[in-house]
Amino acid sequence: MGILWTIVIGFLAGIVAKFIMPGSNEPSGFILTTILGIVGAFVATFLGQALGWYGPNQGAGFIGAVVGAIVVLAIYGFIASRGRTTTL
């Protein structure tokens, strides 16, 4: 049940993170934004458990998942902008 809850929270966190952090380098597709939100929720859960904020069977809360999704979106935007070249 914990993994399913993390996926649902990550889905919602990805949508909220996209509204908080819009930009041209951010993913514009609904599916990619959702996947990055879910990855952010898993990252927040892992880091929270490693730092002792959450117990072994606890997942990240909504706010933690949104912060994790924003971090993942920022990293994605940084990587996407490095791979893009401009021509004059």
PDB file of N, CA and C in Angstrom:
ATOM      1  N   MET A   1       0.815  -1.199   0.000  1.00  0.00           N
ATOM      2  CA  MET A   1       0.000   0.000   0.000  1.00  0.00           C
ATOM      3  C   MET A   1       0.857   1.261   0.000  1.00  0.00           C
ATOM      4  N   GLY A   2       2.054   1.194   0.594  1.00  0.00           N
ATOM      5  CA  GLY A   2       2.918   2.358   0.670  1.00  0.00           C
ATOM      6  C   GLY A   2       3.386   2.835  -0.689  1.00  0.00           C
ATOM      7  N   ILE A   3       3.698   1.908  -1.586  1.00  0.00           N
ATOM      8  CA  ILE A   3       4.156   2.292  -2.921  1.00  0.00           C
ATOM      9  C   ILE A   3       3.018   2.922  -3.716  1.00  0.00           C
ATOM     10  N   LEU A   4       1.827   2.364  -3.607  1.00  0.00           N
ATOM     11  CA  LEU A   4       0.679   2.947  -4.314  1.00  0.00           C
ATOM     12  C   LEU A   4       0.382   4.356  -3.816  1.00  0.00           C
ATOM     13  N   TRP A   5       0.470   4.544  -2.520  1.00  0.00           N
ATOM     14  CA  TRP A   5       0.230   5.870  -1.950  1.00  0.00           C
ATOM     15  C   TRP A   5       1.284   6.861  -2.438  1.00  0.00           C
ATOM     16  N   THR A   6       2.544   6.424  -2.507  1.00  0.00           N
ATOM     17  CA  THR A   6       3.616   7.291  -2.999  1.00  0.00           C
ATOM     18  C   THR A   6       3.381   7.672  -4.452  1.00  0.00           C
ATOM     19  N   ILE A   7       2.882   6.737  -5.261  1.00  0.00           N
ATOM     20  CA  ILE A   7       2.592   7.028  -6.665  1.00  0.00           C
ATOM     21  C   ILE A   7       1.467   8.046  -6.790  1.00  0.00           C
ATOM     22  N   VAL A   8       0.412   7.875  -5.994  1.00  0.00           N
ATOM     23  CA  VAL A   8      -0.714   8.822  -6.055  1.00  0.00           C
ATOM     24  C   VAL A   8      -0.265  10.211  -5.602  1.00  0.00           C
ATOM     25  N   ILE A   9       0.463  10.265  -4.493  1.00  0.00           N
ATOM     26  CA  ILE A   9       0.963  11.548  -3.999  1.00  0.00           C
ATOM     27  C   ILE A   9       1.932  12.165  -5.011  1.00  0.00           C
ATOM     28  N   GLY A  10       2.780  11.338  -5.622  1.00  0.00           N
ATOM     29  CA  GLY A  10       3.721  11.829  -6.625  1.00  0.00           C
ATOM     30  C   GLY A  10       3.026  12.376  -7.852  1.00  0.00           C
ATOM     31  N   PHE A  11       1.945  11.725  -8.255  1.00  0.00           N
ATOM     32  CA  PHE A  11       1.147  12.218  -9.382  1.00  0.00           C
ATOM     33  C   PHE A  11       0.635  13.621  -9.095  1.00  0.00           C
ATOM     34  N   LEU A  12       0.042  13.796  -7.937  1.00  0.00           N
ATOM     35  CA  LEU A  12      -0.484  15.119  -7.564  1.00  0.00           C
ATOM     36  C   LEU A  12       0.650  16.132  -7.358  1.00  0.00           C
ATOM     37  N   ALA A  13       1.749  15.675  -6.778  1.00  0.00           N
ATOM     38  CA  ALA A  13       2.880  16.570  -6.544  1.00  0.00           C
ATOM     39  C   ALA A  13       3.495  17.031  -7.860  1.00  0.00           C
ATOM     40  N   GLY A  14       3.543  16.169  -8.865  1.00  0.00           N
ATOM     41  CA  GLY A  14       4.070  16.553 -10.167  1.00  0.00           C
ATOM     42  C   GLY A  14       3.250  17.641 -10.817  1.00  0.00           C
ATOM     43  N   ILE A  15       1.939  17.533 -10.684  1.00  0.00           N
ATOM     44  CA  ILE A  15       1.055  18.555 -11.246  1.00  0.00           C
ATOM     45  C   ILE A  15       1.248  19.891 -10.524  1.00  0.00           C
ATOM     46  N   VAL A  16       1.308  19.846  -9.192  1.00  0.00           N
ATOM     47  CA  VAL A  16       1.498  21.073  -8.424  1.00  0.00           C
ATOM     48  C   VAL A  16       2.874  21.677  -8.706  1.00  0.00           C
ATOM     49  N   ALA A  17       3.908  20.837  -8.793  1.00  0.00           N
ATOM     50  CA  ALA A  17       5.259  21.336  -9.057  1.00  0.00           C
ATOM     51  C   ALA A  17       5.344  22.001 -10.422  1.00  0.00           C
ATOM     52  N   LYS A  18       4.618  21.481 -11.393  1.00  0.00           N
ATOM     53  CA  LYS A  18       4.615  22.089 -12.730  1.00  0.00           C
ATOM     54  C   LYS A  18       3.984  23.479 -12.690  1.00  0.00           C
ATOM     55  N   PHE A  19       2.932  23.645 -11.873  1.00  0.00           N
ATOM     56  CA  PHE A  19       2.316  24.969 -11.745  1.00  0.00           C
ATOM     57  C   PHE A  19       3.211  25.931 -10.977  1.00  0.00           C
ATOM     58  N   ILE A  20       3.965  25.422 -10.005  1.00  0.00           N
ATOM     59  CA  ILE A  20       4.851  26.270  -9.210  1.00  0.00           C
ATOM     60  C   ILE A  20       6.071  26.685 -10.018  1.00  0.00           C
ATOM     61  N   MET A  21       6.584  25.764 -10.849  1.00  0.00           N
ATOM     62  CA  MET A  21       7.842  25.996 -11.544  1.00  0.00           C
ATOM     63  C   MET A  21       7.678  25.829 -13.052  1.00  0.00           C
ATOM     64  N   PRO A  22       6.954  26.732 -13.708  1.00  0.00           N
ATOM     65  CA  PRO A  22       6.830  26.620 -15.163  1.00  0.00           C
ATOM     66  C   PRO A  22       8.097  27.142 -15.839  1.00  0.00           C
ATOM     67  N   GLY A  23       8.294  26.739 -17.063  1.00  0.00           N
ATOM     68  CA  GLY A  23       9.453  27.223 -17.797  1.00  0.00           C
ATOM     69  C   GLY A  23       9.566  26.544 -19.140  1.00  0.00           C
ATOM     70  N   SER A  24      10.408  27.093 -19.992  1.00  0.00           N
ATOM     71  CA  SER A  24      10.559  26.542 -21.331  1.00  0.00           C
ATOM     72  C   SER A  24      11.370  25.256 -21.327  1.00  0.00           C
ATOM     73  N   ASN A  25      12.247  25.065 -20.338  1.00  0.00           N
ATOM     74  CA  ASN A  25      13.061  23.855 -20.275  1.00  0.00           C
ATOM     75  C   ASN A  25      12.371  22.723 -19.524  1.00  0.00           C
ATOM     76  N   GLU A  26      11.242  22.984 -18.968  1.00  0.00           N
ATOM     77  CA  GLU A  26      10.533  21.967 -18.202  1.00  0.00           C
ATOM     78  C   GLU A  26       9.724  21.091 -19.149  1.00  0.00           C
ATOM     79  N   PRO A  27       9.443  19.867 -18.735  1.00  0.00           N
ATOM     80  CA  PRO A  27       8.657  18.987 -19.608  1.00  0.00           C
ATOM     81  C   PRO A  27       7.249  19.525 -19.790  1.00  0.00           C
ATOM     82  N   SER A  28       6.780  19.515 -21.008  1.00  0.00           N
ATOM     83  CA  SER A  28       5.452  20.065 -21.272  1.00  0.00           C
ATOM     84  C   SER A  28       4.398  18.984 -21.332  1.00  0.00           C
ATOM     85  N   GLY A  29       4.799  17.747 -21.452  1.00  0.00           N
ATOM     86  CA  GLY A  29       3.840  16.663 -21.539  1.00  0.00           C
ATOM     87  C   GLY A  29       3.299  16.268 -20.184  1.00  0.00           C
ATOM     88  N   PHE A  30       2.039  15.893 -20.171  1.00  0.00           N
ATOM     89  CA  PHE A  30       1.376  15.507 -18.932  1.00  0.00           C
ATOM     90  C   PHE A  30       2.004  14.243 -18.351  1.00  0.00           C
ATOM     91  N   ILE A  31       2.315  13.282 -19.207  1.00  0.00           N
ATOM     92  CA  ILE A  31       2.844  12.010 -18.728  1.00  0.00           C
ATOM     93  C   ILE A  31       4.251  12.196 -18.151  1.00  0.00           C
ATOM     94  N   LEU A  32       5.103  12.955 -18.834  1.00  0.00           N
ATOM     95  CA  LEU A  32       6.462  13.175 -18.333  1.00  0.00           C
ATOM     96  C   LEU A  32       6.445  13.963 -17.029  1.00  0.00           C
ATOM     97  N   THR A  33       5.589  14.944 -16.923  1.00  0.00           N
ATOM     98  CA  THR A  33       5.474  15.704 -15.679  1.00  0.00           C
ATOM     99  C   THR A  33       5.015  14.806 -14.543  1.00  0.00           C
ATOM    100  N   THR A  34       4.073  13.914 -14.830  1.00  0.00           N
ATOM    101  CA  THR A  34       3.583  12.985 -13.821  1.00  0.00           C
ATOM    102  C   THR A  34       4.682  12.027 -13.386  1.00  0.00           C
ATOM    103  N   ILE A  35       5.439  11.508 -14.343  1.00  0.00           N
ATOM    104  CA  ILE A  35       6.518  10.577 -14.011  1.00  0.00           C
ATOM    105  C   ILE A  35       7.589  11.264 -13.163  1.00  0.00           C
ATOM    106  N   LEU A  36       7.936  12.496 -13.520  1.00  0.00           N
ATOM    107  CA  LEU A  36       8.919  13.226 -12.725  1.00  0.00           C
ATOM    108  C   LEU A  36       8.385  13.533 -11.322  1.00  0.00           C
ATOM    109  N   GLY A  37       7.090  13.761 -11.203  1.00  0.00           N
ATOM    110  CA  GLY A  37       6.487  13.959  -9.882  1.00  0.00           C
ATOM    111  C   GLY A  37       6.546  12.700  -9.041  1.00  0.00           C
ATOM    112  N   ILE A  38       6.298  11.559  -9.660  1.00  0.00           N
ATOM    113  CA  ILE A  38       6.376  10.287  -8.942  1.00  0.00           C
ATOM    114  C   ILE A  38       7.815  10.012  -8.522  1.00  0.00           C
ATOM    115  N   VAL A  39       8.771  10.284  -9.420  1.00  0.00           N
ATOM    116  CA  VAL A  39      10.188  10.122  -9.066  1.00  0.00           C
ATOM    117  C   VAL A  39      10.543  11.052  -7.909  1.00  0.00           C
ATOM    118  N   GLY A  40      10.032  12.275  -7.937  1.00  0.00           N
ATOM    119  CA  GLY A  40      10.274  13.220  -6.845  1.00  0.00           C
ATOM    120  C   GLY A  40       9.718  12.735  -5.524  1.00  0.00           C
ATOM    121  N   ALA A  41       8.556  12.103  -5.559  1.00  0.00           N
ATOM    122  CA  ALA A  41       7.969  11.556  -4.334  1.00  0.00           C
ATOM    123  C   ALA A  41       8.822  10.414  -3.791  1.00  0.00           C
ATOM    124  N   PHE A  42       9.334   9.562  -4.679  1.00  0.00           N
ATOM    125  CA  PHE A  42      10.207   8.482  -4.233  1.00  0.00           C
ATOM    126  C   PHE A  42      11.524   9.028  -3.683  1.00  0.00           C
ATOM    127  N   VAL A  43      12.059  10.063  -4.317  1.00  0.00           N
ATOM    128  CA  VAL A  43      13.293  10.687  -3.817  1.00  0.00           C
ATOM    129  C   VAL A  43      13.049  11.301  -2.442  1.00  0.00           C
ATOM    130  N   ALA A  44      11.932  11.991  -2.279  1.00  0.00           N
ATOM    131  CA  ALA A  44      11.605  12.601  -0.987  1.00  0.00           C
ATOM    132  C   ALA A  44      11.414  11.527   0.083  1.00  0.00           C
ATOM    133  N   THR A  45      10.774  10.413  -0.272  1.00  0.00           N
ATOM    134  CA  THR A  45      10.590   9.324   0.682  1.00  0.00           C
ATOM    135  C   THR A  45      11.935   8.732   1.092  1.00  0.00           C
ATOM    136  N   PHE A  46      12.799   8.475   0.096  1.00  0.00           N
ATOM    137  CA  PHE A  46      14.102   7.892   0.388  1.00  0.00           C
ATOM    138  C   PHE A  46      14.938   8.817   1.266  1.00  0.00           C
ATOM    139  N   LEU A  47      15.019  10.101   0.893  1.00  0.00           N
ATOM    140  CA  LEU A  47      15.814  11.039   1.681  1.00  0.00           C
ATOM    141  C   LEU A  47      15.228  11.248   3.078  1.00  0.00           C
ATOM    142  N   GLY A  48      13.900  11.306   3.169  1.00  0.00           N
ATOM    143  CA  GLY A  48      13.265  11.463   4.473  1.00  0.00           C
ATOM    144  C   GLY A  48      13.533  10.287   5.391  1.00  0.00           C
ATOM    145  N   GLN A  49      13.518   9.081   4.844  1.00  0.00           N
ATOM    146  CA  GLN A  49      13.822   7.899   5.651  1.00  0.00           C
ATOM    147  C   GLN A  49      15.303   7.862   6.023  1.00  0.00           C
ATOM    148  N   ALA A  50      16.179   8.275   5.091  1.00  0.00           N
ATOM    149  CA  ALA A  50      17.612   8.285   5.376  1.00  0.00           C
ATOM    150  C   ALA A  50      17.972   9.313   6.447  1.00  0.00           C
ATOM    151  N   LEU A  51      17.262  10.432   6.470  1.00  0.00           N
ATOM    152  CA  LEU A  51      17.532  11.474   7.461  1.00  0.00           C
ATOM    153  C   LEU A  51      16.776  11.266   8.767  1.00  0.00           C
ATOM    154  N   GLY A  52      15.910  10.260   8.814  1.00  0.00           N
ATOM    155  CA  GLY A  52      15.176   9.964  10.032  1.00  0.00           C
ATOM    156  C   GLY A  52      13.888  10.749  10.199  1.00  0.00           C
ATOM    157  N   TRP A  53      13.448  11.450   9.152  1.00  0.00           N
ATOM    158  CA  TRP A  53      12.202  12.211   9.239  1.00  0.00           C
ATOM    159  C   TRP A  53      10.996  11.295   9.169  1.00  0.00           C
ATOM    160  N   TYR A  54      11.124  10.194   8.433  1.00  0.00           N
ATOM    161  CA  TYR A  54      10.037   9.233   8.274  1.00  0.00           C
ATOM    162  C   TYR A  54      10.501   7.886   8.785  1.00  0.00           C
ATOM    163  N   GLY A  55       9.534   7.087   9.240  1.00  0.00           N
ATOM    164  CA  GLY A  55       9.828   5.738   9.694  1.00  0.00           C
ATOM    165  C   GLY A  55      10.080   4.816   8.508  1.00  0.00           C
ATOM    166  N   PRO A  56      10.442   3.555   8.789  1.00  0.00           N
ATOM    167  CA  PRO A  56      10.752   2.619   7.698  1.00  0.00           C
ATOM    168  C   PRO A  56       9.586   2.356   6.750  1.00  0.00           C
ATOM    169  N   ASN A  57       8.373   2.407   7.221  1.00  0.00           N
ATOM    170  CA  ASN A  57       7.210   2.126   6.370  1.00  0.00           C
ATOM    171  C   ASN A  57       6.415   3.376   6.028  1.00  0.00           C
ATOM    172  N   GLN A  58       6.953   4.534   6.290  1.00  0.00           N
ATOM    173  CA  GLN A  58       6.261   5.783   5.991  1.00  0.00           C
ATOM    174  C   GLN A  58       6.762   6.366   4.684  1.00  0.00           C
ATOM    175  N   GLY A  59       5.854   6.995   3.963  1.00  0.00           N
ATOM    176  CA  GLY A  59       6.219   7.694   2.741  1.00  0.00           C
ATOM    177  C   GLY A  59       6.246   9.182   2.988  1.00  0.00           C
ATOM    178  N   ALA A  60       6.743   9.891   2.022  1.00  0.00           N
ATOM    179  CA  ALA A  60       6.785  11.352   2.122  1.00  0.00           C
ATOM    180  C   ALA A  60       5.366  11.899   2.087  1.00  0.00           C
ATOM    181  N   GLY A  61       5.137  12.956   2.806  1.00  0.00           N
ATOM    182  CA  GLY A  61       3.857  13.630   2.753  1.00  0.00           C
ATOM    183  C   GLY A  61       3.739  14.450   1.485  1.00  0.00           C
ATOM    184  N   PHE A  62       2.628  15.109   1.349  1.00  0.00           N
ATOM    185  CA  PHE A  62       2.366  15.861   0.121  1.00  0.00           C
ATOM    186  C   PHE A  62       3.372  16.981  -0.077  1.00  0.00           C
ATOM    187  N   ILE A  63       3.678  17.719   0.975  1.00  0.00           N
ATOM    188  CA  ILE A  63       4.613  18.835   0.852  1.00  0.00           C
ATOM    189  C   ILE A  63       6.016  18.320   0.527  1.00  0.00           C
ATOM    190  N   GLY A  64       6.435  17.253   1.174  1.00  0.00           N
ATOM    191  CA  GLY A  64       7.741  16.659   0.870  1.00  0.00           C
ATOM    192  C   GLY A  64       7.812  16.162  -0.556  1.00  0.00           C
ATOM    193  N   ALA A  65       6.719  15.573  -1.042  1.00  0.00           N
ATOM    194  CA  ALA A  65       6.686  15.089  -2.417  1.00  0.00           C
ATOM    195  C   ALA A  65       6.734  16.244  -3.411  1.00  0.00           C
ATOM    196  N   VAL A  66       6.061  17.347  -3.099  1.00  0.00           N
ATOM    197  CA  VAL A  66       6.118  18.519  -3.984  1.00  0.00           C
ATOM    198  C   VAL A  66       7.532  19.077  -4.030  1.00  0.00           C
ATOM    199  N   VAL A  67       8.197  19.158  -2.888  1.00  0.00           N
ATOM    200  CA  VAL A  67       9.579  19.644  -2.859  1.00  0.00           C
ATOM    201  C   VAL A  67      10.478  18.697  -3.658  1.00  0.00           C
ATOM    202  N   GLY A  68      10.296  17.393  -3.475  1.00  0.00           N
ATOM    203  CA  GLY A  68      11.069  16.424  -4.250  1.00  0.00           C
ATOM    204  C   GLY A  68      10.812  16.547  -5.739  1.00  0.00           C
ATOM    205  N   ALA A  69       9.554  16.771  -6.123  1.00  0.00           N
ATOM    206  CA  ALA A  69       9.211  16.927  -7.539  1.00  0.00           C
ATOM    207  C   ALA A  69       9.820  18.202  -8.115  1.00  0.00           C
ATOM    208  N   ILE A  70       9.840  19.278  -7.332  1.00  0.00           N
ATOM    209  CA  ILE A  70      10.453  20.525  -7.794  1.00  0.00           C
ATOM    210  C   ILE A  70      11.947  20.330  -8.002  1.00  0.00           C
ATOM    211  N   VAL A  71      12.594  19.595  -7.101  1.00  0.00           N
ATOM    212  CA  VAL A  71      14.024  19.325  -7.248  1.00  0.00           C
ATOM    213  C   VAL A  71      14.281  18.508  -8.507  1.00  0.00           C
ATOM    214  N   VAL A  72      13.473  17.480  -8.739  1.00  0.00           N
ATOM    215  CA  VAL A  72      13.645  16.644  -9.928  1.00  0.00           C
ATOM    216  C   VAL A  72      13.369  17.463 -11.198  1.00  0.00           C
ATOM    217  N   LEU A  73      12.349  18.315 -11.177  1.00  0.00           N
ATOM    218  CA  LEU A  73      12.061  19.172 -12.333  1.00  0.00           C
ATOM    219  C   LEU A  73      13.203  20.152 -12.595  1.00  0.00           C
ATOM    220  N   ALA A  74      13.807  20.681 -11.538  1.00  0.00           N
ATOM    221  CA  ALA A  74      14.924  21.607 -11.706  1.00  0.00           C
ATOM    222  C   ALA A  74      16.128  20.888 -12.317  1.00  0.00           C
ATOM    223  N   ILE A  75      16.403  19.683 -11.852  1.00  0.00           N
ATOM    224  CA  ILE A  75      17.506  18.902 -12.418  1.00  0.00           C
ATOM    225  C   ILE A  75      17.216  18.563 -13.873  1.00  0.00           C
ATOM    226  N   TYR A  76      15.982  18.182 -14.175  1.00  0.00           N
ATOM    227  CA  TYR A  76      15.606  17.877 -15.553  1.00  0.00           C
ATOM    228  C   TYR A  76      15.768  19.117 -16.445  1.00  0.00           C
ATOM    229  N   GLY A  77      15.339  20.269 -15.955  1.00  0.00           N
ATOM    230  CA  GLY A  77      15.476  21.507 -16.724  1.00  0.00           C
ATOM    231  C   GLY A  77      16.927  21.869 -16.972  1.00  0.00           C
ATOM    232  N   PHE A  78      17.781  21.636 -15.978  1.00  0.00           N
ATOM    233  CA  PHE A  78      19.202  21.918 -16.134  1.00  0.00           C
ATOM    234  C   PHE A  78      19.824  20.994 -17.183  1.00  0.00           C
ATOM    235  N   ILE A  79      19.498  19.710 -17.107  1.00  0.00           N
ATOM    236  CA  ILE A  79      20.043  18.744 -18.063  1.00  0.00           C
ATOM    237  C   ILE A  79      19.500  19.011 -19.466  1.00  0.00           C
ATOM    238  N   ALA A  80      18.217  19.335 -19.566  1.00  0.00           N
ATOM    239  CA  ALA A  80      17.620  19.603 -20.877  1.00  0.00           C
ATOM    240  C   ALA A  80      18.215  20.855 -21.516  1.00  0.00           C
ATOM    241  N   SER A  81      18.533  21.859 -20.724  1.00  0.00           N
ATOM    242  CA  SER A  81      19.106  23.081 -21.298  1.00  0.00           C
ATOM    243  C   SER A  81      20.555  22.877 -21.728  1.00  0.00           C
ATOM    244  N   ARG A  82      21.278  21.973 -21.092  1.00  0.00           N
ATOM    245  CA  ARG A  82      22.661  21.691 -21.492  1.00  0.00           C
ATOM    246  C   ARG A  82      22.724  20.919 -22.800  1.00  0.00           C
ATOM    247  N   GLY A  83      21.723  20.094 -23.048  1.00  0.00           N
ATOM    248  CA  GLY A  83      21.719  19.297 -24.268  1.00  0.00           C
ATOM    249  C   GLY A  83      21.242  20.059 -25.492  1.00  0.00           C
ATOM    250  N   ARG A  84      20.646  21.203 -25.283  1.00  0.00           N
ATOM    251  CA  ARG A  84      20.097  21.996 -26.371  1.00  0.00           C
ATOM    252  C   ARG A  84      21.144  22.993 -26.864  1.00  0.00           C
ATOM    253  N   THR A  85      21.378  23.009 -28.149  1.00  0.00           N
ATOM    254  CA  THR A  85      22.317  23.970 -28.729  1.00  0.00           C
ATOM    255  C   THR A  85      21.546  24.978 -29.564  1.00  0.00           C
ATOM    256  N   THR A  86      22.058  26.166 -29.608  1.00  0.00           N
ATOM    257  CA  THR A  86      21.408  27.206 -30.397  1.00  0.00           C
ATOM    258  C   THR A  86      22.255  27.497 -31.619  1.00  0.00           C
ATOM    259  N   THR A  87      21.588  27.746 -32.715  1.00  0.00           N
ATOM    260  CA  THR A  87      22.293  28.117 -33.940  1.00  0.00           C
ATOM    261  C   THR A  87      21.837  29.502 -34.349  1.00  0.00           C
ATOM    262  N   LEU A  88      22.752  30.233 -34.903  1.00  0.00           N
ATOM    263  CA  LEU A  88      22.425  31.598 -35.338  1.00  0.00           C
ATOM    264  C   LEU A  88      22.210  31.658 -36.807  1.00  0.00           C
TER     265      LEU A  88
END
